[in-house]
Amino acid sequence: MTEITGKKKLPAAVERFILHWGDMGDEWGVNRSVSQIHGLLYLADAPMTAEDIADTLGMARSNVSNSLKELLAWNLIRRVPILGDRRDHYEAEADIWEVAARIAARRKEREIEPAIAALRACVSDATDDPTISPVAAKRLKEMLAFTELADHWFMQMLKVPRPRLVALMKLGEKIANLLPLGKAR
């Protein structure tokens, strides 16, 4: 993690979070600046202008502008009008459950859906190809089945009311004991 050298001094915990959020985003394939701006807006007490963000994080205004466009596309931030100020102000979605759902939905759209389409095409091609080994054909079908199952589960979880989802998550592995074949041996 690199220290943020901006004009505005941030509390140590806020700076640490922003830096860590940037590192996590980088690990997930999201530009570090985009993630750091999201982290700053997520912890901000009030909406911020692009200039405020650039000054606080010590980033180029053009970098901030492009990063804000990406965050808007992910639906993780929104423009907020401020009476008497013509500049755009931005705030992040503050509900962490909603943030997680939006990130997961976007990743599903960008990664899982194309993966399923590619796997379906591979399975179809393998079915008509006499040169493909039975092992490769079987593994392609298994990967497709797994990916479709995970996608189906994700779509179902989006429909579960939050209190029930929280309870389900707190149950953890205990939920498996409620299933007929779920008892540990």
Protein backbone atom coordinates (compact mmCIF):
# COMPACT_ATOMS: atom_id res chain seq x y z
CA MET A 1 0.00 0.00 0.00
CA THR A 2 1.23 3.43 -0.89
CA GLU A 3 0.50 6.40 1.31
CA ILE A 4 -2.00 8.86 -0.11
CA THR A 5 -0.25 12.20 -0.54
CA GLY A 6 -3.03 14.72 -1.02
CA LYS A 7 -3.83 18.18 0.22
CA LYS A 8 -6.38 17.01 2.77
CA LYS A 9 -5.28 14.90 5.72
CA LEU A 10 -7.47 11.88 6.34
CA PRO A 11 -7.83 10.08 9.65
CA ALA A 12 -5.48 7.08 9.77
CA ALA A 13 -8.31 4.51 9.77
CA VAL A 14 -9.96 6.15 6.75
CA GLU A 15 -6.68 6.30 4.82
CA ARG A 16 -5.94 2.67 5.69
CA PHE A 17 -9.40 1.60 4.50
CA ILE A 18 -9.10 3.54 1.22
CA LEU A 19 -5.69 2.04 0.52
CA HIS A 20 -6.89 -1.46 1.37
CA TRP A 21 -10.08 -1.05 -0.71
CA GLY A 22 -7.86 0.04 -3.60
CA ASP A 23 -5.65 -3.03 -3.17
CA MET A 24 -8.69 -5.33 -3.04
CA GLY A 25 -10.12 -3.77 -6.18
CA ASP A 26 -6.79 -4.21 -7.90
CA GLU A 27 -6.80 -7.91 -6.97
CA TRP A 28 -10.31 -8.24 -8.45
CA GLY A 29 -9.31 -6.58 -11.71
CA VAL A 30 -10.70 -3.14 -10.91
CA ASN A 31 -8.48 -0.11 -11.34
CA ARG A 32 -6.93 0.87 -8.01
CA SER A 33 -7.97 4.53 -8.41
CA VAL A 34 -11.59 3.52 -9.04
CA SER A 35 -11.58 1.43 -5.87
CA GLN A 36 -9.90 4.13 -3.79
CA ILE A 37 -12.43 6.73 -4.92
CA HIS A 38 -15.24 4.34 -4.06
CA GLY A 39 -13.69 3.75 -0.63
CA LEU A 40 -13.42 7.50 -0.02
CA LEU A 41 -17.02 8.17 -1.06
CA TYR A 42 -18.27 5.20 0.95
CA LEU A 43 -16.80 6.67 4.15
CA ALA A 44 -17.52 10.32 3.31
CA ASP A 45 -19.91 12.22 5.57
CA ALA A 46 -21.27 14.27 2.68
CA PRO A 47 -21.30 14.22 -1.13
CA MET A 48 -18.02 15.28 -2.72
CA THR A 49 -17.10 17.01 -5.98
CA ALA A 50 -14.54 15.59 -8.35
CA GLU A 51 -12.21 18.40 -7.29
CA ASP A 52 -12.63 17.47 -3.62
CA ILE A 53 -11.87 13.84 -4.45
CA ALA A 54 -8.80 14.75 -6.52
CA ASP A 55 -7.48 17.01 -3.75
CA THR A 56 -8.17 14.49 -0.99
CA LEU A 57 -6.57 11.54 -2.77
CA GLY A 58 -3.86 13.46 -4.60
CA MET A 59 -5.05 12.18 -7.98
CA ALA A 60 -5.20 13.87 -11.36
CA ARG A 61 -8.61 15.40 -12.08
CA SER A 62 -8.85 13.42 -15.36
CA ASN A 63 -8.23 10.15 -13.49
CA VAL A 64 -10.95 11.04 -11.01
CA SER A 65 -13.37 11.91 -13.80
CA ASN A 66 -12.83 8.60 -15.60
CA SER A 67 -13.06 6.67 -12.34
CA LEU A 68 -16.34 8.38 -11.44
CA LYS A 69 -17.78 7.36 -14.81
CA GLU A 70 -16.86 3.75 -14.11
CA LEU A 71 -18.36 3.86 -10.61
CA LEU A 72 -21.56 5.36 -12.04
CA ALA A 73 -21.69 2.54 -14.61
CA TRP A 74 -21.35 0.00 -11.78
CA ASN A 75 -24.19 1.85 -10.00
CA LEU A 76 -22.03 2.14 -6.87
CA ILE A 77 -22.24 5.93 -6.70
CA ARG A 78 -24.75 8.55 -7.77
CA ARG A 79 -24.75 12.22 -8.65
CA VAL A 80 -26.33 14.36 -5.98
CA PRO A 81 -27.55 17.90 -6.70
CA ILE A 82 -26.54 20.53 -4.14
CA LEU A 83 -28.65 23.68 -4.04
CA GLY A 84 -26.66 26.70 -5.20
CA ASP A 85 -23.74 24.67 -6.58
CA ARG A 86 -23.57 23.87 -10.30
CA ARG A 87 -20.80 21.29 -9.87
CA ASP A 88 -21.60 17.59 -9.77
CA HIS A 89 -21.39 16.04 -6.33
CA TYR A 90 -21.12 12.30 -5.76
CA GLU A 91 -22.01 9.94 -2.97
CA ALA A 92 -21.63 6.21 -2.65
CA GLU A 93 -24.35 3.72 -1.89
CA ALA A 94 -24.04 3.42 1.89
CA ASP A 95 -25.90 0.12 2.36
CA ILE A 96 -23.13 -2.50 2.28
CA TRP A 97 -25.61 -5.25 1.39
CA GLU A 98 -26.71 -3.25 -1.63
CA VAL A 99 -23.07 -2.55 -2.55
CA ALA A 100 -22.28 -6.27 -2.42
CA ALA A 101 -25.38 -7.14 -4.48
CA ARG A 102 -24.52 -4.55 -7.15
CA ILE A 103 -20.91 -5.68 -7.39
CA ALA A 104 -21.99 -9.32 -7.62
CA ALA A 105 -24.62 -8.51 -10.26
CA ARG A 106 -22.11 -6.59 -12.35
CA ARG A 107 -19.51 -9.37 -12.08
CA LYS A 108 -22.18 -11.90 -13.06
CA GLU A 109 -23.00 -9.82 -16.12
CA ARG A 110 -19.35 -9.33 -17.10
CA GLU A 111 -17.92 -12.74 -16.15
CA ILE A 112 -20.43 -15.49 -15.38
CA GLU A 113 -22.87 -14.91 -18.25
CA PRO A 114 -20.11 -14.89 -20.92
CA ALA A 115 -18.54 -17.96 -19.25
CA ILE A 116 -21.84 -19.85 -19.43
CA ALA A 117 -22.29 -18.88 -23.08
CA ALA A 118 -18.74 -20.04 -23.90
CA LEU A 119 -19.16 -23.29 -21.98
CA ARG A 120 -22.46 -24.03 -23.73
CA ALA A 121 -20.77 -23.50 -27.08
CA CYS A 122 -17.86 -25.75 -26.05
CA VAL A 123 -20.21 -28.52 -24.88
CA SER A 124 -22.16 -28.24 -28.13
CA ASP A 125 -18.97 -28.34 -30.21
CA ALA A 126 -17.68 -31.30 -28.19
CA THR A 127 -20.89 -33.24 -28.80
CA ASP A 128 -20.37 -33.02 -32.56
CA ASP A 129 -16.60 -33.61 -32.51
CA PRO A 130 -15.53 -37.26 -32.72
CA THR A 131 -11.92 -36.30 -31.95
CA ILE A 132 -12.61 -34.94 -28.46
CA SER A 133 -11.75 -37.27 -25.63
CA PRO A 134 -14.51 -38.54 -23.35
CA VAL A 135 -12.64 -37.02 -20.38
CA ALA A 136 -12.58 -33.53 -21.93
CA ALA A 137 -16.26 -33.77 -22.94
CA LYS A 138 -17.25 -34.91 -19.43
CA ARG A 139 -15.27 -32.13 -17.74
CA LEU A 140 -16.77 -29.48 -19.99
CA LYS A 141 -20.28 -30.71 -19.11
CA GLU A 142 -19.40 -30.76 -15.40
CA MET A 143 -18.00 -27.24 -15.51
CA LEU A 144 -21.08 -25.99 -17.35
CA ALA A 145 -23.39 -27.69 -14.86
CA PHE A 146 -21.47 -26.22 -11.92
CA THR A 147 -21.42 -22.71 -13.39
CA GLU A 148 -25.13 -22.83 -14.22
CA LEU A 149 -25.92 -24.10 -10.71
CA ALA A 150 -23.89 -21.32 -9.10
CA ASP A 151 -25.59 -18.76 -11.35
CA HIS A 152 -29.04 -20.15 -10.49
CA TRP A 153 -28.20 -20.07 -6.75
CA PHE A 154 -27.02 -16.46 -7.03
CA MET A 155 -30.26 -15.43 -8.75
CA GLN A 156 -32.28 -17.12 -6.01
CA MET A 157 -30.27 -15.42 -3.25
CA LEU A 158 -31.03 -12.01 -4.78
CA LYS A 159 -34.72 -12.68 -4.13
CA VAL A 160 -34.33 -13.69 -0.48
CA PRO A 161 -35.40 -10.89 1.88
CA ARG A 162 -32.40 -9.45 3.71
CA PRO A 163 -33.38 -10.57 7.24
CA ARG A 164 -33.74 -14.15 6.01
CA LEU A 165 -30.48 -13.90 4.09
CA VAL A 166 -28.67 -12.68 7.21
CA ALA A 167 -30.14 -15.57 9.21
CA LEU A 168 -29.14 -18.01 6.48
CA MET A 169 -25.58 -16.69 6.44
CA LYS A 170 -25.33 -16.87 10.24
CA LEU A 171 -26.39 -20.51 10.13
CA GLY A 172 -23.36 -21.30 7.99
CA GLU A 173 -22.66 -25.00 7.73
CA LYS A 174 -25.43 -25.78 10.23
CA ILE A 175 -27.93 -25.32 7.39
CA ALA A 176 -26.57 -28.51 5.79
CA ASN A 177 -27.75 -30.48 8.82
CA LEU A 178 -31.33 -29.56 7.94
CA LEU A 179 -31.04 -31.31 4.60
CA PRO A 180 -31.91 -35.02 4.37
CA LEU A 181 -28.41 -35.98 3.19
CA GLY A 182 -26.66 -33.09 4.92
CA LYS A 183 -25.70 -34.73 8.23
CA ALA A 184 -21.97 -35.03 8.75
CA ARG A 185 -20.69 -38.59 8.93
